[in-house]
């Protein structure tokens, strides 16, 4: 499996990424202001204890003033209680902010994913996209809940303590600050190393999720071909890569935190040595020295917290790179700026006018100058060898892709001028690759179509799906498993057909709609199709040529070109591509004039 390009993001857009992340905080700015106010209060409370200590040692004790000592002790206890209340309120508020921001971000991500064009999903494994919406977003949740706002609080606390230390004794302050350049240097090196480590972790987590999702979805194939051992070995390799990436980050932290502890100890030792000399010389009081020791510890505590926040910030940077790369992915097939309303009443005439298409800019042409008209109340069938371009024509009609040249019209209106919801809402589509959602039968038929339960019953009855639904334990309320695997392939196809008809569409598109249905079920579907095609434009892609002998026009595609067109009998008489397809399919069992 090739790597997704967003696994190799390398440019450190810290400032730009943070600005983009902060946009999601703006709707919650009142709560953020409250959290910042609490953090400022916490920073000021950090100064109270050292100041009270100085007052006790330099004033109350020398004077032997028991009353003042009691007041100062009471004030100290009150400051501890206030600090507890502040910490509790700040934690609750910042956590709520993080949850709300993540709700908005996850909603935006899912909405953008739904707007992205089908080619994007062709290139990106589902497991990696799941990583964006789940674990990457959760990493940002931790950043907003306990990281980003707390960083501002730590910075304010650092500033307040520095000012207090400078005002109390600027020479002692300079001694305590002497190790700051070393702390900064260590932090810069740590920042660079840990950013790379976390980017590596997120990339390997995406591969792990992708591999797991793919093999769990294809477990039947794995077991059928006895590939459990090979799958386990490959999983072990992917899992080991993820482990190695995590161990590398742990090693970085194992080196960084002891260095910070050593530098803190050096600062305290220097302070005790210089302050002790001055206290012995009588130029510094014991209270000031004791207060400075407390302030120095509290000064390095925010530095320690900021160092720990690097864990969150760096993980968030790696995750946000990937999330914003996804959000910045352009929508290749988008709604027009000013959509044209569907013609009313909708006749359902489809025209392909000189359509060319290829999946890659420099790739081979899949369709070449395809032109045809599907008139209202008539059926056009598309036949040809695998890879001839049949399903591509359907995908272009549904605007899953855009033609490179030419245009497609619906009742004379270019489909690029129609809203996607209007265009696709007018088409009932039964696809070859069936997909059912986990939910009950009725929900899978309706998918928000109007009419409610009665519409589901009517659609099922007209397609013959009502027969097997009646045998289910809960009927239309029977809950299907993932992708409807509790049903047979034929039953899933019948249900998919009922889904397409529930909206009573003006256009029917059947893409190999009966490819996996047994003869009896196919006969029921064909009877329903003949009835439902009355008054509807129908486009039918078929490998079973017996299903389209009554089509009003058959287009024979070969290497992306329409080589033959006409009715069944006329095409047989030409002794061309269509006649050869019939002979190959029936292996000479049916004479051409009898077919």
Protein backbone atom coordinates (compact mmCIF):
# COMPACT_ATOMS: atom_id res chain seq x y z
CA UNK A 1 0.00 0.00 0.00
CA UNK A 2 1.42 3.36 -1.00
CA UNK A 3 1.88 6.06 1.54
CA UNK A 4 -0.65 8.84 1.73
CA UNK A 5 1.08 12.13 0.99
CA UNK A 6 0.09 13.67 4.32
CA UNK A 7 2.25 11.15 6.14
CA UNK A 8 5.35 13.09 5.12
CA UNK A 9 4.49 16.60 6.26
CA UNK A 10 7.70 18.22 7.39
CA UNK A 11 7.47 22.02 7.47
CA UNK A 12 7.11 23.39 11.02
CA UNK A 13 4.16 25.80 10.65
CA UNK A 14 3.75 26.23 14.39
CA UNK A 15 2.53 29.83 14.35
CA UNK A 16 0.23 29.32 11.39
CA UNK A 17 -1.20 26.13 12.82
CA UNK A 18 -1.83 27.74 16.22
CA UNK A 19 -3.60 30.68 14.55
CA UNK A 20 -5.86 28.26 12.70
CA UNK A 21 -6.54 26.29 15.86
CA UNK A 22 -7.44 29.48 17.72
CA UNK A 23 -10.19 30.20 15.16
CA UNK A 24 -12.11 27.31 16.67
CA UNK A 25 -11.84 28.95 20.09
CA UNK A 26 -13.41 32.26 19.01
CA UNK A 27 -17.05 31.13 19.44
CA UNK A 28 -16.17 30.27 23.05
CA UNK A 29 -14.19 33.41 23.83
CA UNK A 30 -16.26 34.31 26.92
CA UNK A 31 -15.44 30.95 28.48
CA UNK A 32 -11.80 31.39 27.46
CA UNK A 33 -11.74 34.84 29.07
CA UNK A 34 -13.08 33.31 32.27
CA UNK A 35 -10.44 30.57 32.19
CA UNK A 36 -7.68 33.12 31.62
CA UNK A 37 -8.95 35.21 34.52
CA UNK A 38 -8.79 32.16 36.75
CA UNK A 39 -5.26 31.44 35.56
CA UNK A 40 -4.22 35.02 36.31
CA UNK A 41 -5.69 34.63 39.79
CA UNK A 42 -3.70 31.42 40.19
CA UNK A 43 -0.51 33.20 39.15
CA UNK A 44 -1.10 35.93 41.73
CA UNK A 45 -1.92 33.40 44.43
CA UNK A 46 1.50 31.82 43.77
CA UNK A 47 3.08 35.01 45.17
CA UNK A 48 1.07 35.05 48.38
CA UNK A 49 2.80 32.13 50.12
CA UNK A 50 6.39 33.43 49.73
CA UNK A 51 5.37 36.94 50.79
CA UNK A 52 3.62 35.59 53.91
CA UNK A 53 6.71 33.48 54.67
CA UNK A 54 8.89 36.58 54.52
CA UNK A 55 6.50 38.51 56.81
CA UNK A 56 6.50 35.68 59.35
CA UNK A 57 10.31 35.35 59.47
CA UNK A 58 11.22 39.04 59.19
CA UNK A 59 8.36 40.67 61.15
CA UNK A 60 6.21 38.39 63.31
CA UNK A 61 9.00 36.17 64.70
CA UNK A 62 11.50 38.95 65.58
CA UNK A 63 8.68 40.92 67.29
CA UNK A 64 7.33 37.81 69.02
CA UNK A 65 3.89 38.97 67.86
CA UNK A 66 1.60 35.93 68.33
CA UNK A 67 -1.46 37.82 67.03
CA UNK A 68 0.27 38.80 63.78
CA UNK A 69 1.62 35.26 63.43
CA UNK A 70 -1.92 33.88 63.76
CA UNK A 71 -3.22 36.36 61.16
CA UNK A 72 -0.45 35.49 58.72
CA UNK A 73 -1.03 31.75 59.25
CA UNK A 74 -4.78 32.21 58.68
CA UNK A 75 -4.06 34.17 55.50
CA UNK A 76 -1.79 31.36 54.31
CA UNK A 77 -4.53 28.73 54.87
CA UNK A 78 -7.06 30.99 53.09
CA UNK A 79 -4.71 31.32 50.11
CA UNK A 80 -4.46 27.52 49.91
CA UNK A 81 -8.27 27.23 49.92
CA UNK A 82 -8.59 29.89 47.24
CA UNK A 83 -5.95 28.10 45.19
CA UNK A 84 -7.99 24.88 45.44
CA UNK A 85 -11.18 26.64 44.28
CA UNK A 86 -9.31 28.35 41.45
CA UNK A 87 -7.73 25.10 40.29
CA UNK A 88 -11.08 23.25 40.35
CA UNK A 89 -12.97 25.96 38.45
CA UNK A 90 -10.18 26.36 35.90
CA UNK A 91 -10.01 22.59 35.24
CA UNK A 92 -13.78 22.31 34.72
CA UNK A 93 -13.93 25.36 32.47
CA UNK A 94 -10.96 24.48 30.27
CA UNK A 95 -12.18 20.89 29.87
CA UNK A 96 -15.57 22.14 28.70
CA UNK A 97 -13.89 24.49 26.25
CA UNK A 98 -11.83 21.61 24.86
CA UNK A 99 -14.88 19.40 24.42
CA UNK A 100 -16.86 22.11 22.65
CA UNK A 101 -13.99 22.99 20.35
CA UNK A 102 -13.48 19.33 19.45
CA UNK A 103 -17.21 18.96 18.76
CA UNK A 104 -16.99 21.85 16.29
CA UNK A 105 -13.78 20.57 14.69
CA UNK A 106 -15.02 16.98 14.35
CA UNK A 107 -18.30 18.22 12.85
CA UNK A 108 -16.39 20.35 10.35
CA UNK A 109 -14.11 17.45 9.45
CA UNK A 110 -17.00 15.08 8.81
CA UNK A 111 -18.87 17.69 6.77
CA UNK A 112 -15.77 18.31 4.64
CA UNK A 113 -15.24 14.59 4.13
CA UNK A 114 -18.78 14.32 2.80
CA UNK A 115 -18.10 17.11 0.30
CA UNK A 116 -14.88 15.59 -1.00
CA UNK A 117 -15.05 13.93 -4.38
CA UNK A 118 -14.90 10.19 -4.95
CA UNK A 119 -11.31 10.35 -6.37
CA UNK A 120 -10.07 11.40 -2.92
CA UNK A 121 -11.49 8.25 -1.33
CA UNK A 122 -10.03 6.19 -4.15
CA UNK A 123 -6.55 7.36 -3.10
CA UNK A 124 -6.83 7.41 0.71
CA UNK A 125 -7.48 4.34 2.88
CA UNK A 126 -10.48 4.56 5.20
CA UNK A 127 -8.35 3.63 8.23
CA UNK A 128 -6.22 6.74 7.84
CA UNK A 129 -9.24 8.98 7.48
CA UNK A 130 -10.64 7.41 10.65
CA UNK A 131 -7.40 8.39 12.42
CA UNK A 132 -8.01 12.03 11.46
CA UNK A 133 -11.55 12.13 12.84
CA UNK A 134 -10.85 10.13 16.01
CA UNK A 135 -7.35 10.00 17.49
CA UNK A 136 -5.96 13.14 15.80
CA UNK A 137 -8.94 15.19 16.98
CA UNK A 138 -8.69 13.66 20.45
CA UNK A 139 -5.07 14.81 20.65
CA UNK A 140 -6.23 18.38 19.97
CA UNK A 141 -8.88 17.92 22.66
CA UNK A 142 -6.10 17.34 25.19
CA UNK A 143 -4.33 20.45 23.91
CA UNK A 144 -7.36 22.69 24.46
CA UNK A 145 -8.46 21.01 27.68
CA UNK A 146 -5.15 21.02 29.53
CA UNK A 147 -2.53 22.54 27.28
CA UNK A 148 -3.07 25.72 25.32
CA UNK A 149 -4.89 27.86 27.90
CA UNK A 150 -2.69 26.48 30.69
CA UNK A 151 0.36 27.66 28.72
CA UNK A 152 -0.88 31.25 28.99
CA UNK A 153 -1.38 30.74 32.72
CA UNK A 154 2.14 29.38 33.11
CA UNK A 155 3.57 32.30 31.15
CA UNK A 156 1.68 34.77 33.34
CA UNK A 157 2.87 32.98 36.49
CA UNK A 158 6.46 33.12 35.24
CA UNK A 159 6.17 36.84 34.53
CA UNK A 160 4.58 37.59 37.91
CA UNK A 161 7.21 35.60 39.82
CA UNK A 162 10.06 37.25 37.87
CA UNK A 163 8.70 40.73 38.66
CA UNK A 164 8.23 39.83 42.33
CA UNK A 165 11.76 38.45 42.57
CA UNK A 166 13.28 41.51 40.90
CA UNK A 167 11.37 43.86 43.19
CA UNK A 168 12.31 41.89 46.29
CA UNK A 169 16.06 41.65 45.51
CA UNK A 170 17.30 42.07 41.97
CA UNK A 171 20.76 40.55 42.69
CA UNK A 172 19.30 37.34 44.08
CA UNK A 173 16.91 37.28 41.11
CA UNK A 174 19.81 37.42 38.64
CA UNK A 175 21.46 34.48 40.41
CA UNK A 176 18.25 32.45 40.12
CA UNK A 177 17.82 33.44 36.45
CA UNK A 178 21.38 32.48 35.48
CA UNK A 179 20.37 28.98 34.36
CA UNK A 180 17.51 30.22 32.13
CA UNK A 181 19.67 30.32 28.92
CA UNK A 182 20.61 26.69 29.50
CA UNK A 183 16.94 25.79 30.06
CA UNK A 184 16.01 27.60 26.83
CA UNK A 185 18.74 25.80 24.86
CA UNK A 186 17.65 22.41 26.15
CA UNK A 187 14.00 23.24 25.36
CA UNK A 188 14.85 24.22 21.76
CA UNK A 189 16.68 20.94 21.14
CA UNK A 190 13.88 19.02 22.83
CA UNK A 191 11.23 20.80 20.76
CA UNK A 192 12.82 19.84 17.47
CA UNK A 193 13.38 16.21 18.43
CA UNK A 194 9.98 15.62 19.97
CA UNK A 195 8.11 17.21 17.05
CA UNK A 196 9.68 14.74 14.64
CA UNK A 197 8.94 11.91 17.06
CA UNK A 198 5.27 12.78 17.35
CA UNK A 199 4.86 13.24 13.61
CA UNK A 200 6.37 9.78 13.23
CA UNK A 201 3.98 8.36 15.84
CA UNK A 202 0.90 9.81 14.11
CA UNK A 203 2.01 8.48 10.71
CA UNK A 204 2.58 4.99 12.10
CA UNK A 205 -0.72 5.08 13.99
CA UNK A 206 -2.50 5.89 10.73
CA UNK A 207 -0.81 2.91 9.04
CA UNK A 208 -1.76 0.68 11.97
CA UNK A 209 -5.41 1.79 11.79
CA UNK A 210 -5.48 1.41 8.02
CA UNK A 211 -4.00 -2.09 8.10
CA UNK A 212 -6.34 -3.20 10.90
CA UNK A 213 -9.46 -1.79 9.21
CA UNK A 214 -8.58 -3.35 5.86
CA UNK A 215 -7.88 -6.83 7.25
CA UNK A 216 -10.88 -6.88 9.58
CA UNK A 217 -13.12 -5.88 6.67
CA UNK A 218 -11.56 -8.58 4.50
CA UNK A 219 -11.37 -11.28 7.19
CA UNK A 220 -13.37 -13.73 5.08
CA UNK A 221 -10.79 -13.52 2.30
CA UNK A 222 -7.91 -13.80 4.79
CA UNK A 223 -9.35 -16.98 6.28
CA UNK A 224 -10.51 -18.40 2.97
CA UNK A 225 -7.01 -18.28 1.52
CA UNK A 226 -5.27 -19.20 4.77
CA UNK A 227 -3.39 -15.90 5.05
CA UNK A 228 -3.70 -15.57 8.83
CA UNK A 229 0.01 -16.20 9.38
CA UNK A 230 1.11 -13.71 6.74
CA UNK A 231 -1.38 -11.11 8.02
CA UNK A 232 -0.11 -11.60 11.59
CA UNK A 233 3.52 -11.15 10.50
CA UNK A 234 2.69 -8.00 8.56
CA UNK A 235 0.64 -6.65 11.47
CA UNK A 236 3.55 -7.35 13.80
CA UNK A 237 5.80 -5.29 11.55
CA UNK A 238 3.40 -2.34 11.42
CA UNK A 239 2.77 -2.61 15.16
CA UNK A 240 6.50 -2.78 15.90
CA UNK A 241 7.11 0.37 13.86
CA UNK A 242 4.49 2.10 16.01
CA UNK A 243 6.18 0.80 19.17
CA UNK A 244 9.62 1.98 18.05
CA UNK A 245 8.26 5.47 17.34
CA UNK A 246 6.74 5.65 20.84
CA UNK A 247 9.93 4.38 22.47
CA UNK A 248 11.91 7.07 20.68
CA UNK A 249 9.67 9.78 22.15
CA UNK A 250 9.97 8.19 25.61
CA UNK A 251 13.78 8.26 25.30
CA UNK A 252 13.68 11.96 24.46
CA UNK A 253 11.58 12.69 27.54
CA UNK A 254 13.75 10.45 29.71
CA UNK A 255 16.74 12.66 28.84
CA UNK A 256 14.96 16.01 28.94
CA UNK A 257 13.24 15.96 32.35
CA UNK A 258 16.33 14.96 34.37
CA UNK A 259 18.26 17.79 32.70
CA UNK A 260 15.58 20.27 33.81
CA UNK A 261 15.70 18.84 37.35
CA UNK A 262 19.49 19.22 37.43
CA UNK A 263 19.27 22.84 36.24
CA UNK A 264 16.65 23.58 38.92
CA UNK A 265 18.96 22.12 41.57
CA UNK A 266 21.86 24.21 40.26
CA UNK A 267 19.72 27.37 40.53
CA UNK A 268 18.72 26.55 44.13
CA UNK A 269 22.31 25.71 45.10
CA UNK A 270 23.57 28.98 43.65
CA UNK A 271 20.82 30.85 45.46
CA UNK A 272 21.61 29.21 48.80
CA UNK A 273 25.33 29.89 48.41
CA UNK A 274 25.02 33.56 47.41
CA UNK A 275 22.05 34.26 49.69
CA UNK A 276 23.75 32.51 52.61
CA UNK A 277 26.87 34.70 52.19
CA UNK A 278 24.77 37.86 52.17
CA UNK A 279 22.67 36.74 55.14
CA UNK A 280 25.86 36.02 57.09
CA UNK A 281 27.15 39.49 56.17
CA UNK A 282 23.88 41.06 57.36
CA UNK A 283 22.90 42.49 53.94
CA UNK A 284 19.99 40.06 53.47
CA UNK A 285 17.29 38.89 55.87
CA UNK A 286 16.47 35.24 56.42
CA UNK A 287 12.85 35.93 55.48
CA UNK A 288 13.83 37.28 52.05
CA UNK A 289 16.10 34.28 51.45
CA UNK A 290 13.33 31.85 52.47
CA UNK A 291 10.85 33.69 50.26
CA UNK A 292 13.30 33.54 47.36
CA UNK A 293 13.75 29.79 47.77
CA UNK A 294 9.97 29.35 47.56
CA UNK A 295 9.70 31.74 44.60
CA UNK A 296 12.52 29.95 42.79
CA UNK A 297 10.80 26.59 43.21
CA UNK A 298 7.57 28.13 41.97
CA UNK A 299 9.45 29.81 39.14
CA UNK A 300 10.79 26.51 37.86
CA UNK A 301 7.44 24.78 38.35
CA UNK A 302 5.80 26.64 35.39
CA UNK A 303 8.97 25.91 33.39
CA UNK A 304 8.52 22.24 34.26
CA UNK A 305 4.83 22.49 33.33
CA UNK A 306 5.70 24.16 30.04
CA UNK A 307 8.15 21.37 29.33
CA UNK A 308 5.44 18.80 29.98
CA UNK A 309 3.06 20.80 27.80
CA UNK A 310 5.50 20.22 24.94
CA UNK A 311 4.15 16.67 24.94
CA UNK A 312 0.66 17.95 24.20
CA UNK A 313 1.72 20.81 21.97
CA UNK A 314 4.02 18.73 19.79
CA UNK A 315 1.47 15.91 19.47
CA UNK A 316 -1.14 18.52 18.62
CA UNK A 317 1.12 20.10 15.99
CA UNK A 318 1.62 16.74 14.32
CA UNK A 319 -2.13 16.02 14.45
CA UNK A 320 -3.17 19.49 13.34
CA UNK A 321 -0.86 19.28 10.32
CA UNK A 322 -2.75 16.21 9.20
CA UNK A 323 -6.19 17.56 10.07
CA UNK A 324 -5.66 20.86 8.27
CA UNK A 325 -4.13 19.06 5.30
CA UNK A 326 -7.44 17.20 5.08
CA UNK A 327 -9.51 20.35 5.57
CA UNK A 328 -7.43 22.12 2.90
CA UNK A 329 -8.07 19.36 0.36
CA UNK A 330 -10.05 21.05 -2.41
CA UNK A 331 -13.47 19.74 -3.37
CA UNK A 332 -12.97 18.73 -6.99
CA UNK A 333 -16.68 18.29 -7.73
CA UNK A 334 -18.47 21.13 -5.97
CA UNK A 335 -21.87 22.75 -6.08
CA UNK A 336 -22.06 25.73 -8.45
CA UNK A 337 -22.00 29.19 -6.90
CA UNK A 338 -25.52 29.88 -8.23
CA UNK A 339 -27.25 26.55 -8.88
CA UNK A 340 -29.89 26.37 -11.58
CA UNK A 341 -33.16 24.85 -10.32
CA UNK A 342 -34.26 21.56 -11.82
CA UNK A 343 -36.68 22.00 -14.71
CA UNK A 344 -40.29 21.49 -13.63
CA UNK A 345 -41.80 19.16 -14.51
CA UNK A 346 -38.64 17.07 -14.93
CA UNK A 347 -38.75 15.11 -18.18
CA UNK A 348 -35.49 13.24 -17.54
CA UNK A 349 -33.74 13.62 -20.89
CA UNK A 350 -30.02 12.84 -20.58
CA UNK A 351 -27.50 13.93 -23.20
CA UNK A 352 -23.79 13.14 -23.40
CA UNK A 353 -22.20 15.58 -25.85
CA UNK A 354 -18.63 14.76 -26.93
CA UNK A 355 -17.54 13.57 -23.47
CA UNK A 356 -13.88 12.71 -22.85
CA UNK A 357 -12.58 11.50 -19.51
CA UNK A 358 -9.49 10.03 -17.85
CA UNK A 359 -8.78 9.35 -14.18
CA UNK A 360 -5.30 10.93 -14.16
CA UNK A 361 -4.13 14.04 -15.98
CA UNK A 362 -1.51 12.13 -17.91
CA UNK A 363 -3.29 8.77 -17.93
CA UNK A 364 -5.02 7.01 -20.82
CA UNK A 365 -8.44 8.15 -21.95
CA UNK A 366 -11.20 6.05 -20.41
CA UNK A 367 -13.92 7.69 -22.53
CA UNK A 368 -13.34 9.23 -25.94
CA UNK A 369 -15.89 11.50 -27.62
CA UNK A 370 -18.93 9.71 -26.16
CA UNK A 371 -22.25 11.12 -27.37
CA UNK A 372 -25.75 9.74 -26.92
CA UNK A 373 -29.23 10.72 -25.79
CA UNK A 374 -31.40 8.90 -23.28
CA UNK A 375 -34.90 10.19 -24.03
CA UNK A 376 -37.72 10.29 -21.47
CA UNK A 377 -39.58 7.02 -21.00
CA UNK A 378 -36.93 5.15 -22.95
CA UNK A 379 -34.19 2.71 -21.93
CA UNK A 380 -30.54 2.97 -22.97
CA UNK A 381 -28.31 -0.02 -22.23
CA UNK A 382 -24.51 0.08 -21.98
CA UNK A 383 -22.61 -3.10 -22.82
CA UNK A 384 -19.01 -4.00 -23.50
CA UNK A 385 -16.02 -5.82 -22.12
CA UNK A 386 -14.73 -5.07 -18.60
CA UNK A 387 -12.95 -1.70 -18.63
CA UNK A 388 -14.83 -0.43 -21.69
CA UNK A 389 -16.11 2.61 -19.75
CA UNK A 390 -19.67 1.62 -18.82
CA UNK A 391 -19.53 2.37 -15.10
CA UNK A 392 -17.51 5.52 -15.80
CA UNK A 393 -20.44 6.90 -17.80
CA UNK A 394 -22.70 6.34 -14.78
CA UNK A 395 -20.15 7.98 -12.45
CA UNK A 396 -19.99 11.05 -14.69
CA UNK A 397 -23.78 11.31 -14.82
CA UNK A 398 -23.89 11.26 -11.00
CA UNK A 399 -21.03 13.81 -10.92
CA UNK A 400 -18.71 11.61 -8.92
CA UNK A 401 -16.16 12.83 -11.48
CA UNK A 402 -16.05 15.70 -13.99
CA UNK A 403 -15.52 15.19 -17.73
CA UNK A 404 -12.27 16.53 -19.18
CA UNK A 405 -14.08 17.67 -22.34
CA UNK A 406 -17.65 17.88 -23.49
CA UNK A 407 -20.73 18.17 -21.32
CA UNK A 408 -23.66 16.23 -19.90
CA UNK A 409 -27.13 17.76 -19.76
CA UNK A 410 -30.38 16.96 -17.98
CA UNK A 411 -33.39 18.39 -19.79
CA UNK A 412 -31.00 20.74 -21.59
CA UNK A 413 -29.28 22.03 -18.43
CA UNK A 414 -25.59 21.29 -17.94
CA UNK A 415 -25.43 19.09 -14.84
CA UNK A 416 -22.49 21.19 -13.58
CA UNK A 417 -25.01 24.03 -13.15
CA UNK A 418 -27.29 21.93 -10.94
CA UNK A 419 -26.99 21.48 -7.19
CA UNK A 420 -25.55 18.04 -6.45
CA UNK A 421 -28.45 17.22 -4.12
CA UNK A 422 -30.99 18.08 -6.84
CA UNK A 423 -29.17 16.08 -9.52
CA UNK A 424 -28.65 12.96 -7.42
CA UNK A 425 -32.10 13.24 -5.86
CA UNK A 426 -33.62 12.89 -9.34
CA UNK A 427 -31.78 9.62 -9.99
CA UNK A 428 -32.56 6.21 -8.53
CA UNK A 429 -29.24 4.35 -8.56
CA UNK A 430 -28.62 0.66 -7.95
CA UNK A 431 -24.89 0.08 -7.91
CA UNK A 432 -22.86 -3.03 -8.50
CA UNK A 433 -20.93 -2.65 -5.23
CA UNK A 434 -23.78 -2.88 -2.73
CA UNK A 435 -23.59 -1.00 0.56
CA UNK A 436 -26.03 -1.24 3.45
CA UNK A 437 -25.74 0.65 6.72
CA UNK A 438 -25.90 -0.83 10.20
CA UNK A 439 -29.53 -0.17 11.14
CA UNK A 440 -32.99 -1.54 10.50
CA UNK A 441 -34.38 -2.52 7.11
CA UNK A 442 -36.71 0.48 6.84
CA UNK A 443 -33.89 2.96 7.43
CA UNK A 444 -31.79 1.30 4.73
CA UNK A 445 -34.66 1.59 2.25
CA UNK A 446 -35.70 5.15 3.02
CA UNK A 447 -32.43 6.97 3.82
CA UNK A 448 -34.56 10.04 4.68
CA UNK A 449 -36.79 9.64 1.61
CA UNK A 450 -40.27 11.18 2.05
CA UNK A 451 -43.28 8.99 2.68
CA UNK A 452 -42.18 7.15 5.82
CA UNK A 453 -43.04 3.52 6.46
CA UNK A 454 -45.59 3.29 3.67
CA UNK A 455 -43.03 4.42 1.07
CA UNK A 456 -40.64 1.70 2.27
CA UNK A 457 -43.36 -0.95 2.07
CA UNK A 458 -44.39 0.09 -1.45
CA UNK A 459 -40.80 0.16 -2.72
CA UNK A 460 -40.11 -3.28 -1.23
CA UNK A 461 -43.33 -4.72 -2.66
CA UNK A 462 -42.67 -3.45 -6.19
CA UNK A 463 -39.16 -4.94 -6.22
CA UNK A 464 -40.07 -8.24 -4.57
CA UNK A 465 -37.99 -7.47 -1.47
CA UNK A 466 -41.11 -7.73 0.70
CA UNK A 467 -41.00 -11.53 0.48
CA UNK A 468 -37.72 -11.95 2.37
CA UNK A 469 -38.43 -8.97 4.66
CA UNK A 470 -41.59 -10.73 5.84
CA UNK A 471 -39.44 -13.69 6.91
CA UNK A 472 -37.14 -11.55 9.07
CA UNK A 473 -37.80 -11.73 12.86
CA UNK A 474 -38.75 -8.05 13.15
CA UNK A 475 -39.72 -7.36 9.53
CA UNK A 476 -38.96 -3.78 8.54
CA UNK A 477 -37.59 -3.14 12.06
CA UNK A 478 -35.06 -5.96 11.77
CA UNK A 479 -31.59 -4.59 12.52
CA UNK A 480 -28.97 -5.52 9.95
CA UNK A 481 -25.34 -6.19 10.79
CA UNK A 482 -22.44 -4.17 9.40
CA UNK A 483 -22.85 -3.78 5.61
CA UNK A 484 -25.94 -6.01 5.81
CA UNK A 485 -23.91 -9.21 6.05
CA UNK A 486 -26.77 -11.02 7.78
CA UNK A 487 -28.53 -11.03 4.38
CA UNK A 488 -27.63 -12.99 1.28
CA UNK A 489 -26.08 -11.18 -1.68
CA UNK A 490 -29.34 -11.43 -3.60
CA UNK A 491 -31.36 -10.06 -0.69
CA UNK A 492 -28.98 -7.14 -0.33
CA UNK A 493 -29.39 -6.35 -4.00
CA UNK A 494 -33.17 -6.42 -3.73
CA UNK A 495 -32.98 -4.09 -0.75
CA UNK A 496 -30.66 -1.75 -2.62
CA UNK A 497 -33.11 -1.74 -5.53
CA UNK A 498 -35.99 -0.85 -3.19
CA UNK A 499 -33.86 1.98 -1.78
CA UNK A 500 -33.42 3.46 -5.26
CA UNK A 501 -37.17 3.39 -5.94
CA UNK A 502 -38.31 4.77 -2.57
CA UNK A 503 -37.97 8.35 -3.84
CA UNK A 504 -39.96 7.63 -7.02
CA UNK A 505 -37.12 9.01 -9.19
CA UNK A 506 -37.49 10.40 -12.70
CA UNK A 507 -34.36 8.54 -13.82
CA UNK A 508 -33.29 4.96 -13.10
CA UNK A 509 -29.64 3.93 -13.28
CA UNK A 510 -28.92 0.22 -12.92
CA UNK A 511 -25.24 -0.70 -12.76
CA UNK A 512 -24.99 -4.49 -13.00
CA UNK A 513 -28.12 -4.55 -10.84
CA UNK A 514 -28.80 -8.27 -11.24
CA UNK A 515 -25.23 -9.57 -11.36
CA UNK A 516 -25.51 -11.53 -8.08
CA UNK A 517 -29.21 -12.46 -8.09
CA UNK A 518 -30.44 -15.97 -8.78
CA UNK A 519 -32.74 -16.70 -11.72
CA UNK A 520 -35.98 -16.53 -9.71
CA UNK A 521 -35.04 -13.24 -8.04
CA UNK A 522 -33.86 -11.84 -11.37
CA UNK A 523 -37.22 -12.66 -12.93
CA UNK A 524 -39.01 -10.76 -10.14
CA UNK A 525 -36.72 -7.78 -10.56
CA UNK A 526 -37.11 -7.73 -14.33
CA UNK A 527 -40.91 -7.75 -13.96
CA UNK A 528 -40.67 -4.82 -11.53
CA UNK A 529 -38.19 -3.01 -13.78
CA UNK A 530 -40.49 -3.22 -16.82
CA UNK A 531 -43.32 -1.72 -14.80
CA UNK A 532 -41.20 0.99 -13.18
CA UNK A 533 -39.46 2.04 -16.39
CA UNK A 534 -42.78 3.24 -17.77
CA UNK A 535 -42.45 7.03 -17.95
CA UNK A 536 -38.86 7.04 -16.65
CA UNK A 537 -35.52 7.54 -18.34
CA UNK A 538 -33.49 4.39 -17.73
CA UNK A 539 -29.77 3.82 -18.09
CA UNK A 540 -28.77 0.19 -17.67
CA UNK A 541 -25.24 -1.21 -17.40
CA UNK A 542 -25.35 -4.96 -17.92
CA UNK A 543 -23.07 -7.95 -18.34
CA UNK A 544 -26.05 -10.29 -18.64
CA UNK A 545 -27.14 -9.39 -22.13
CA UNK A 546 -30.39 -11.28 -21.66
CA UNK A 547 -31.56 -8.49 -19.34
CA UNK A 548 -31.42 -5.73 -21.96
CA UNK A 549 -32.88 -7.35 -25.10
CA UNK A 550 -35.92 -5.04 -24.81
CA UNK A 551 -33.88 -1.83 -24.44
CA UNK A 552 -34.80 1.00 -26.82
CA UNK A 553 -31.13 1.53 -27.62
CA UNK A 554 -28.00 -0.45 -26.86
CA UNK A 555 -24.60 1.27 -26.86
CA UNK A 556 -21.67 -1.06 -27.43
CA UNK A 557 -18.53 0.40 -25.82
CA UNK A 558 -15.00 -0.66 -26.72
CA UNK A 559 -11.89 1.04 -25.28
CA UNK A 560 -13.95 4.06 -24.20
CA UNK A 561 -15.66 4.61 -27.55
CA UNK A 562 -19.21 3.93 -28.71
CA UNK A 563 -18.54 1.50 -31.55
CA UNK A 564 -22.10 0.32 -32.19
CA UNK A 565 -25.60 1.46 -31.28
CA UNK A 566 -29.08 0.20 -31.99
CA UNK A 567 -31.69 -2.31 -30.84
CA UNK A 568 -30.91 -5.91 -29.97
CA UNK A 569 -32.10 -7.47 -33.24
CA UNK A 570 -30.44 -4.87 -35.44
CA UNK A 571 -27.09 -5.24 -33.65
CA UNK A 572 -27.19 -9.01 -33.96
CA UNK A 573 -27.75 -8.66 -37.69
CA UNK A 574 -24.57 -6.59 -38.14
CA UNK A 575 -22.23 -9.39 -37.07
CA UNK A 576 -20.10 -6.91 -35.11
CA UNK A 577 -18.93 -6.43 -31.52
CA UNK A 578 -22.38 -6.97 -30.01
CA UNK A 579 -22.90 -10.24 -31.85
CA UNK A 580 -19.49 -11.44 -30.62
CA UNK A 581 -20.39 -10.49 -27.05
CA UNK A 582 -23.59 -12.51 -27.30
CA UNK A 583 -21.73 -15.51 -28.71
CA UNK A 584 -19.08 -15.32 -25.98
CA UNK A 585 -21.66 -15.07 -23.23
CA UNK A 586 -23.81 -17.92 -24.43
CA UNK A 587 -20.84 -19.95 -25.71
CA UNK A 588 -22.69 -20.89 -28.87
CA UNK A 589 -25.56 -22.46 -26.96
CA UNK A 590 -28.06 -20.12 -28.58
CA UNK A 591 -28.11 -19.43 -32.25
CA UNK A 592 -27.76 -15.73 -33.07
CA UNK A 593 -31.17 -15.49 -34.73
CA UNK A 594 -32.74 -17.30 -31.80
CA UNK A 595 -31.07 -15.20 -29.11
